[in-house]
Amino acid sequence: APVPQVGTNLTDLRLPQKVTVRELGGCMGPIWPSYYSECSALVFVVDASNPTQVSSSCIQLLSVLSAAPLASVPVLVLFNKIDLPCYMSLVEMKSLFRMQDIVSCATQPIMMLETSARDGTGLADVLQWLRTTLKDP
């Protein structure tokens, strides 16, 4: 069974340029702002199988989107765990998060995708978004 991220992990990707991904778990929210100035793109992962966490995830997302250092940083919101039978669909998650309102008020571009980190569904789309978003000027 997957274990929630409770610390920080660094991973390097080749897209084809080298990109360093810093993973910070939700419980690390209080220290997220200390990393904002280093951020070129942001991937915000939501557990689409856990309806009890929707409100806190939405509040965290709104906090991230309103942070001044991230005002122009592209954001990818991933609704993860779509491989589980109890997952909420992209349509349901967009509705619960009121994503249409969030996108219309945000200063940064926002993209949304469904994924399953377990079986790989949607991960090619995530890599393509990263390649496009982080391409050399």
N, C-alpha and C. Protein backbone atom coordinates (compact mmCIF):
# COMPACT_ATOMS: atom_id res chain seq x y z
N ALA A 1 0.85 -1.19 0.00
CA ALA A 1 0.00 0.00 0.00
C ALA A 1 0.88 1.24 0.00
N PRO A 2 0.48 2.29 -0.74
CA PRO A 2 1.27 3.51 -0.78
C PRO A 2 1.30 4.18 0.59
N VAL A 3 2.41 4.84 0.87
CA VAL A 3 2.58 5.53 2.14
C VAL A 3 2.55 7.03 1.85
N PRO A 4 1.74 7.82 2.60
CA PRO A 4 1.72 9.26 2.37
C PRO A 4 3.10 9.87 2.53
N GLN A 5 3.39 10.87 1.69
CA GLN A 5 4.67 11.56 1.75
C GLN A 5 4.69 12.46 2.98
N VAL A 6 5.67 12.27 3.86
CA VAL A 6 5.74 13.07 5.08
C VAL A 6 7.03 13.87 5.17
N GLY A 7 7.90 13.73 4.23
CA GLY A 7 9.15 14.48 4.25
C GLY A 7 9.36 15.17 2.93
N THR A 8 10.63 15.30 2.53
CA THR A 8 10.94 15.91 1.25
C THR A 8 11.85 14.96 0.47
N ASN A 9 11.56 14.79 -0.79
CA ASN A 9 12.37 13.96 -1.66
C ASN A 9 12.80 14.77 -2.86
N LEU A 10 14.01 14.54 -3.35
CA LEU A 10 14.49 15.17 -4.58
C LEU A 10 14.66 14.09 -5.63
N THR A 11 14.20 14.39 -6.84
CA THR A 11 14.34 13.47 -7.97
C THR A 11 14.74 14.29 -9.18
N ASP A 12 15.70 13.79 -9.95
CA ASP A 12 16.08 14.45 -11.19
C ASP A 12 15.42 13.75 -12.36
N LEU A 13 14.85 14.54 -13.28
CA LEU A 13 14.24 14.03 -14.50
C LEU A 13 14.99 14.61 -15.69
N ARG A 14 15.02 13.90 -16.79
CA ARG A 14 15.56 14.41 -18.06
C ARG A 14 14.38 14.61 -19.01
N LEU A 15 14.17 15.87 -19.43
CA LEU A 15 12.96 16.19 -20.20
C LEU A 15 13.15 16.85 -21.55
N PRO A 16 14.16 16.98 -22.28
CA PRO A 16 15.45 16.31 -22.16
C PRO A 16 16.42 17.02 -21.23
N GLN A 17 16.20 18.32 -20.91
CA GLN A 17 17.12 18.96 -19.97
C GLN A 17 16.87 18.39 -18.57
N LYS A 18 17.88 18.50 -17.72
CA LYS A 18 17.73 17.99 -16.35
C LYS A 18 16.84 18.94 -15.55
N VAL A 19 15.86 18.35 -14.90
CA VAL A 19 14.94 19.09 -14.04
C VAL A 19 14.93 18.40 -12.69
N THR A 20 15.05 19.19 -11.63
CA THR A 20 14.98 18.63 -10.28
C THR A 20 13.57 18.82 -9.74
N VAL A 21 12.98 17.73 -9.30
CA VAL A 21 11.64 17.73 -8.72
C VAL A 21 11.78 17.57 -7.22
N ARG A 22 11.18 18.49 -6.48
CA ARG A 22 11.17 18.40 -5.02
C ARG A 22 9.76 18.01 -4.59
N GLU A 23 9.65 16.90 -3.91
CA GLU A 23 8.35 16.42 -3.43
C GLU A 23 8.21 16.79 -1.96
N LEU A 24 7.15 17.53 -1.66
CA LEU A 24 6.85 17.91 -0.28
C LEU A 24 5.46 17.42 0.07
N GLY A 25 5.35 16.60 1.08
CA GLY A 25 4.06 16.06 1.49
C GLY A 25 3.15 17.13 2.04
N GLY A 26 1.85 16.83 2.05
CA GLY A 26 0.85 17.77 2.54
C GLY A 26 1.08 18.22 3.96
N CYS A 27 1.58 17.34 4.80
CA CYS A 27 1.83 17.73 6.19
C CYS A 27 3.01 18.71 6.31
N MET A 28 3.75 18.86 5.21
CA MET A 28 4.88 19.80 5.18
C MET A 28 4.42 21.19 4.74
N GLY A 29 3.12 21.39 4.58
CA GLY A 29 2.55 22.66 4.12
C GLY A 29 3.13 23.90 4.79
N PRO A 30 3.36 23.88 6.10
CA PRO A 30 3.90 25.09 6.74
C PRO A 30 5.28 25.53 6.22
N ILE A 31 6.05 24.59 5.67
CA ILE A 31 7.38 25.01 5.16
C ILE A 31 7.40 25.19 3.64
N TRP A 32 6.29 24.92 2.95
CA TRP A 32 6.27 25.08 1.49
C TRP A 32 6.75 26.46 1.05
N PRO A 33 6.33 27.55 1.70
CA PRO A 33 6.74 28.87 1.22
C PRO A 33 8.26 29.07 1.14
N SER A 34 9.01 28.33 1.93
CA SER A 34 10.47 28.49 1.87
C SER A 34 11.06 27.97 0.56
N TYR A 35 10.27 27.24 -0.24
CA TYR A 35 10.73 26.70 -1.51
C TYR A 35 10.16 27.45 -2.72
N TYR A 36 9.23 28.35 -2.52
CA TYR A 36 8.54 29.01 -3.63
C TYR A 36 9.48 29.74 -4.57
N SER A 37 10.50 30.40 -4.03
CA SER A 37 11.39 31.20 -4.90
C SER A 37 12.19 30.34 -5.87
N GLU A 38 12.35 29.05 -5.58
CA GLU A 38 13.10 28.13 -6.45
C GLU A 38 12.21 27.47 -7.50
N CYS A 39 10.92 27.74 -7.46
CA CYS A 39 9.94 26.98 -8.22
C CYS A 39 9.72 27.54 -9.63
N SER A 40 9.90 26.68 -10.65
CA SER A 40 9.65 27.06 -12.04
C SER A 40 8.31 26.53 -12.54
N ALA A 41 7.82 25.49 -11.91
CA ALA A 41 6.52 24.89 -12.21
C ALA A 41 6.09 24.15 -10.95
N LEU A 42 4.78 24.01 -10.78
CA LEU A 42 4.29 23.38 -9.58
C LEU A 42 3.31 22.27 -9.95
N VAL A 43 3.50 21.10 -9.36
CA VAL A 43 2.58 19.99 -9.53
C VAL A 43 1.93 19.75 -8.17
N PHE A 44 0.62 19.97 -8.11
CA PHE A 44 -0.14 19.84 -6.87
C PHE A 44 -0.96 18.57 -6.97
N VAL A 45 -0.68 17.58 -6.11
CA VAL A 45 -1.32 16.27 -6.19
C VAL A 45 -2.42 16.16 -5.15
N VAL A 46 -3.59 15.72 -5.62
CA VAL A 46 -4.75 15.54 -4.76
C VAL A 46 -5.16 14.06 -4.80
N ASP A 47 -5.46 13.51 -3.65
CA ASP A 47 -5.94 12.12 -3.56
C ASP A 47 -7.42 12.10 -3.95
N ALA A 48 -7.71 11.66 -5.17
CA ALA A 48 -9.09 11.64 -5.68
C ALA A 48 -9.92 10.50 -5.09
N SER A 49 -9.31 9.69 -4.23
CA SER A 49 -10.05 8.60 -3.62
C SER A 49 -10.44 8.91 -2.18
N ASN A 50 -10.11 10.11 -1.71
CA ASN A 50 -10.34 10.45 -0.31
C ASN A 50 -11.22 11.70 -0.18
N PRO A 51 -12.53 11.53 -0.19
CA PRO A 51 -13.41 12.70 -0.13
C PRO A 51 -13.28 13.52 1.15
N THR A 52 -12.80 12.90 2.22
CA THR A 52 -12.67 13.64 3.48
C THR A 52 -11.54 14.67 3.43
N GLN A 53 -10.63 14.55 2.47
CA GLN A 53 -9.51 15.48 2.36
C GLN A 53 -9.73 16.58 1.33
N VAL A 54 -10.87 16.56 0.63
CA VAL A 54 -11.10 17.53 -0.44
C VAL A 54 -11.02 18.96 0.07
N SER A 55 -11.70 19.26 1.18
CA SER A 55 -11.72 20.65 1.64
C SER A 55 -10.33 21.12 2.05
N SER A 56 -9.57 20.30 2.77
CA SER A 56 -8.23 20.73 3.18
C SER A 56 -7.30 20.84 1.97
N SER A 57 -7.45 19.95 0.99
CA SER A 57 -6.64 20.05 -0.23
C SER A 57 -6.96 21.33 -0.99
N CYS A 58 -8.22 21.68 -1.05
CA CYS A 58 -8.64 22.88 -1.75
C CYS A 58 -8.07 24.12 -1.05
N ILE A 59 -8.12 24.15 0.26
CA ILE A 59 -7.57 25.28 1.02
C ILE A 59 -6.07 25.40 0.78
N GLN A 60 -5.36 24.26 0.78
CA GLN A 60 -3.92 24.29 0.51
C GLN A 60 -3.64 24.79 -0.90
N LEU A 61 -4.44 24.34 -1.87
CA LEU A 61 -4.25 24.79 -3.24
C LEU A 61 -4.47 26.30 -3.35
N LEU A 62 -5.53 26.81 -2.74
CA LEU A 62 -5.79 28.25 -2.77
C LEU A 62 -4.66 29.04 -2.12
N SER A 63 -4.10 28.51 -1.06
CA SER A 63 -2.97 29.16 -0.40
C SER A 63 -1.77 29.23 -1.33
N VAL A 64 -1.49 28.13 -2.00
CA VAL A 64 -0.36 28.08 -2.94
C VAL A 64 -0.59 29.07 -4.09
N LEU A 65 -1.78 29.08 -4.65
CA LEU A 65 -2.08 29.94 -5.79
C LEU A 65 -2.02 31.42 -5.43
N SER A 66 -2.27 31.75 -4.18
CA SER A 66 -2.27 33.15 -3.76
C SER A 66 -0.90 33.64 -3.30
N ALA A 67 0.09 32.76 -3.25
CA ALA A 67 1.43 33.16 -2.82
C ALA A 67 2.09 34.02 -3.89
N ALA A 68 2.54 35.20 -3.52
CA ALA A 68 3.13 36.15 -4.48
C ALA A 68 4.28 35.56 -5.30
N PRO A 69 5.21 34.79 -4.71
CA PRO A 69 6.32 34.25 -5.53
C PRO A 69 5.86 33.25 -6.61
N LEU A 70 4.63 32.75 -6.49
CA LEU A 70 4.11 31.77 -7.45
C LEU A 70 3.10 32.39 -8.42
N ALA A 71 3.00 33.71 -8.43
CA ALA A 71 1.96 34.41 -9.20
C ALA A 71 1.98 34.08 -10.68
N SER A 72 3.15 33.75 -11.23
CA SER A 72 3.23 33.44 -12.66
C SER A 72 3.76 32.03 -12.93
N VAL A 73 3.86 31.22 -11.89
CA VAL A 73 4.38 29.86 -12.02
C VAL A 73 3.26 28.93 -12.51
N PRO A 74 3.45 28.24 -13.64
CA PRO A 74 2.43 27.31 -14.13
C PRO A 74 2.16 26.20 -13.11
N VAL A 75 0.88 25.83 -13.00
CA VAL A 75 0.46 24.84 -12.01
C VAL A 75 -0.26 23.69 -12.71
N LEU A 76 0.13 22.49 -12.35
CA LEU A 76 -0.56 21.28 -12.79
C LEU A 76 -1.21 20.65 -11.56
N VAL A 77 -2.53 20.52 -11.57
CA VAL A 77 -3.24 19.87 -10.48
C VAL A 77 -3.52 18.44 -10.92
N LEU A 78 -2.97 17.50 -10.17
CA LEU A 78 -3.16 16.08 -10.48
C LEU A 78 -4.17 15.48 -9.51
N PHE A 79 -5.21 14.90 -10.06
CA PHE A 79 -6.16 14.15 -9.26
C PHE A 79 -5.72 12.70 -9.39
N ASN A 80 -5.04 12.21 -8.35
CA ASN A 80 -4.37 10.92 -8.35
C ASN A 80 -5.24 9.82 -7.73
N LYS A 81 -4.81 8.59 -7.94
CA LYS A 81 -5.44 7.38 -7.41
C LYS A 81 -6.73 7.03 -8.14
N ILE A 82 -6.76 7.30 -9.45
CA ILE A 82 -7.96 6.97 -10.22
C ILE A 82 -8.08 5.48 -10.47
N ASP A 83 -7.07 4.72 -10.06
CA ASP A 83 -7.13 3.26 -10.19
C ASP A 83 -7.97 2.61 -9.09
N LEU A 84 -8.30 3.38 -8.05
CA LEU A 84 -9.07 2.82 -6.94
C LEU A 84 -10.57 2.90 -7.24
N PRO A 85 -11.34 1.91 -6.80
CA PRO A 85 -12.76 1.89 -7.11
C PRO A 85 -13.53 3.07 -6.52
N CYS A 86 -13.02 3.68 -5.48
CA CYS A 86 -13.75 4.76 -4.81
C CYS A 86 -13.30 6.15 -5.27
N TYR A 87 -12.55 6.23 -6.36
CA TYR A 87 -12.07 7.55 -6.79
C TYR A 87 -13.21 8.41 -7.31
N MET A 88 -13.01 9.72 -7.18
CA MET A 88 -13.97 10.68 -7.73
C MET A 88 -13.45 11.11 -9.10
N SER A 89 -14.33 11.19 -10.07
CA SER A 89 -13.94 11.52 -11.44
C SER A 89 -13.43 12.96 -11.53
N LEU A 90 -12.79 13.26 -12.65
CA LEU A 90 -12.28 14.60 -12.89
C LEU A 90 -13.43 15.62 -12.83
N VAL A 91 -14.57 15.27 -13.39
CA VAL A 91 -15.74 16.17 -13.36
C VAL A 91 -16.16 16.43 -11.91
N GLU A 92 -16.22 15.37 -11.10
CA GLU A 92 -16.60 15.53 -9.68
C GLU A 92 -15.58 16.37 -8.93
N MET A 93 -14.29 16.10 -9.16
CA MET A 93 -13.25 16.84 -8.46
C MET A 93 -13.25 18.31 -8.86
N LYS A 94 -13.41 18.58 -10.16
CA LYS A 94 -13.48 19.98 -10.62
C LYS A 94 -14.65 20.70 -9.95
N SER A 95 -15.75 20.00 -9.81
CA SER A 95 -16.93 20.60 -9.18
C SER A 95 -16.69 20.86 -7.69
N LEU A 96 -16.17 19.86 -6.99
CA LEU A 96 -15.92 20.01 -5.55
C LEU A 96 -14.91 21.11 -5.26
N PHE A 97 -13.88 21.24 -6.09
CA PHE A 97 -12.85 22.25 -5.91
C PHE A 97 -13.27 23.62 -6.46
N ARG A 98 -14.40 23.62 -7.22
CA ARG A 98 -14.83 24.83 -7.94
C ARG A 98 -13.68 25.34 -8.81
N MET A 99 -13.11 24.40 -9.56
CA MET A 99 -11.93 24.70 -10.37
C MET A 99 -12.19 25.79 -11.40
N GLN A 100 -13.41 25.88 -11.93
CA GLN A 100 -13.69 26.92 -12.92
C GLN A 100 -13.49 28.30 -12.28
N ASP A 101 -13.95 28.47 -11.05
CA ASP A 101 -13.75 29.74 -10.34
C ASP A 101 -12.28 29.97 -10.02
N ILE A 102 -11.60 28.92 -9.59
CA ILE A 102 -10.18 29.04 -9.25
C ILE A 102 -9.38 29.45 -10.48
N VAL A 103 -9.61 28.78 -11.60
CA VAL A 103 -8.86 29.07 -12.83
C VAL A 103 -9.14 30.49 -13.30
N SER A 104 -10.38 30.93 -13.20
CA SER A 104 -10.72 32.27 -13.69
C SER A 104 -10.13 33.37 -12.81
N CYS A 105 -9.88 33.10 -11.55
CA CYS A 105 -9.32 34.10 -10.64
C CYS A 105 -7.79 34.02 -10.51
N ALA A 106 -7.22 32.92 -10.90
CA ALA A 106 -5.78 32.72 -10.71
C ALA A 106 -4.97 33.57 -11.68
N THR A 107 -3.78 33.96 -11.24
CA THR A 107 -2.88 34.73 -12.11
C THR A 107 -1.99 33.82 -12.94
N GLN A 108 -1.86 32.57 -12.53
CA GLN A 108 -1.00 31.62 -13.22
C GLN A 108 -1.83 30.66 -14.06
N PRO A 109 -1.21 30.09 -15.11
CA PRO A 109 -1.92 29.06 -15.88
C PRO A 109 -2.08 27.79 -15.05
N ILE A 110 -3.25 27.18 -15.14
CA ILE A 110 -3.54 25.97 -14.38
C ILE A 110 -4.06 24.90 -15.33
N MET A 111 -3.49 23.71 -15.21
CA MET A 111 -3.91 22.54 -15.99
C MET A 111 -4.32 21.46 -14.99
N MET A 112 -5.27 20.62 -15.35
CA MET A 112 -5.72 19.53 -14.49
C MET A 112 -5.66 18.21 -15.24
N LEU A 113 -5.20 17.18 -14.56
CA LEU A 113 -5.14 15.84 -15.14
C LEU A 113 -5.52 14.81 -14.09
N GLU A 114 -6.01 13.66 -14.57
CA GLU A 114 -6.22 12.50 -13.70
C GLU A 114 -5.03 11.56 -13.87
N THR A 115 -4.59 10.97 -12.77
CA THR A 115 -3.46 10.05 -12.84
C THR A 115 -3.65 8.87 -11.88
N SER A 116 -2.84 7.86 -12.14
CA SER A 116 -2.65 6.78 -11.19
C SER A 116 -1.15 6.54 -11.10
N ALA A 117 -0.56 6.95 -10.01
CA ALA A 117 0.87 6.72 -9.82
C ALA A 117 1.16 5.22 -9.73
N ARG A 118 0.16 4.46 -9.30
CA ARG A 118 0.34 3.01 -9.14
C ARG A 118 0.45 2.30 -10.49
N ASP A 119 -0.48 2.59 -11.42
CA ASP A 119 -0.45 1.87 -12.69
C ASP A 119 0.07 2.70 -13.87
N GLY A 120 0.41 3.97 -13.61
CA GLY A 120 1.02 4.80 -14.64
C GLY A 120 0.05 5.58 -15.52
N THR A 121 -1.24 5.41 -15.31
CA THR A 121 -2.23 6.14 -16.12
C THR A 121 -2.01 7.64 -15.97
N GLY A 122 -1.90 8.33 -17.09
CA GLY A 122 -1.77 9.78 -17.08
C GLY A 122 -0.36 10.31 -16.89
N LEU A 123 0.59 9.45 -16.56
CA LEU A 123 1.95 9.94 -16.28
C LEU A 123 2.64 10.46 -17.53
N ALA A 124 2.35 9.90 -18.70
CA ALA A 124 2.92 10.43 -19.94
C ALA A 124 2.44 11.86 -20.17
N ASP A 125 1.18 12.13 -19.83
CA ASP A 125 0.65 13.50 -19.96
C ASP A 125 1.34 14.45 -18.99
N VAL A 126 1.66 13.97 -17.80
CA VAL A 126 2.38 14.79 -16.81
C VAL A 126 3.76 15.14 -17.35
N LEU A 127 4.48 14.15 -17.88
CA LEU A 127 5.81 14.41 -18.43
C LEU A 127 5.73 15.37 -19.61
N GLN A 128 4.71 15.22 -20.45
CA GLN A 128 4.55 16.14 -21.58
C GLN A 128 4.29 17.56 -21.09
N TRP A 129 3.46 17.71 -20.07
CA TRP A 129 3.20 19.04 -19.50
C TRP A 129 4.50 19.65 -18.97
N LEU A 130 5.30 18.83 -18.26
CA LEU A 130 6.57 19.33 -17.74
C LEU A 130 7.50 19.74 -18.88
N ARG A 131 7.60 18.91 -19.92
CA ARG A 131 8.46 19.25 -21.07
C ARG A 131 8.03 20.58 -21.70
N THR A 132 6.75 20.72 -21.93
CA THR A 132 6.22 21.93 -22.56
C THR A 132 6.41 23.15 -21.66
N THR A 133 6.11 22.98 -20.39
CA THR A 133 6.16 24.09 -19.44
C THR A 133 7.59 24.53 -19.15
N LEU A 134 8.51 23.58 -19.09
CA LEU A 134 9.88 23.90 -18.69
C LEU A 134 10.84 23.96 -19.86
N LYS A 135 10.33 24.01 -21.08
CA LYS A 135 11.22 24.02 -22.24
C LYS A 135 12.12 25.26 -22.20
N ASP A 136 13.31 25.12 -22.75
CA ASP A 136 14.25 26.24 -22.77
C ASP A 136 13.68 27.35 -23.63
N PRO A 137 13.78 28.61 -23.15
CA PRO A 137 13.25 29.74 -23.92
C PRO A 137 13.99 29.95 -25.23
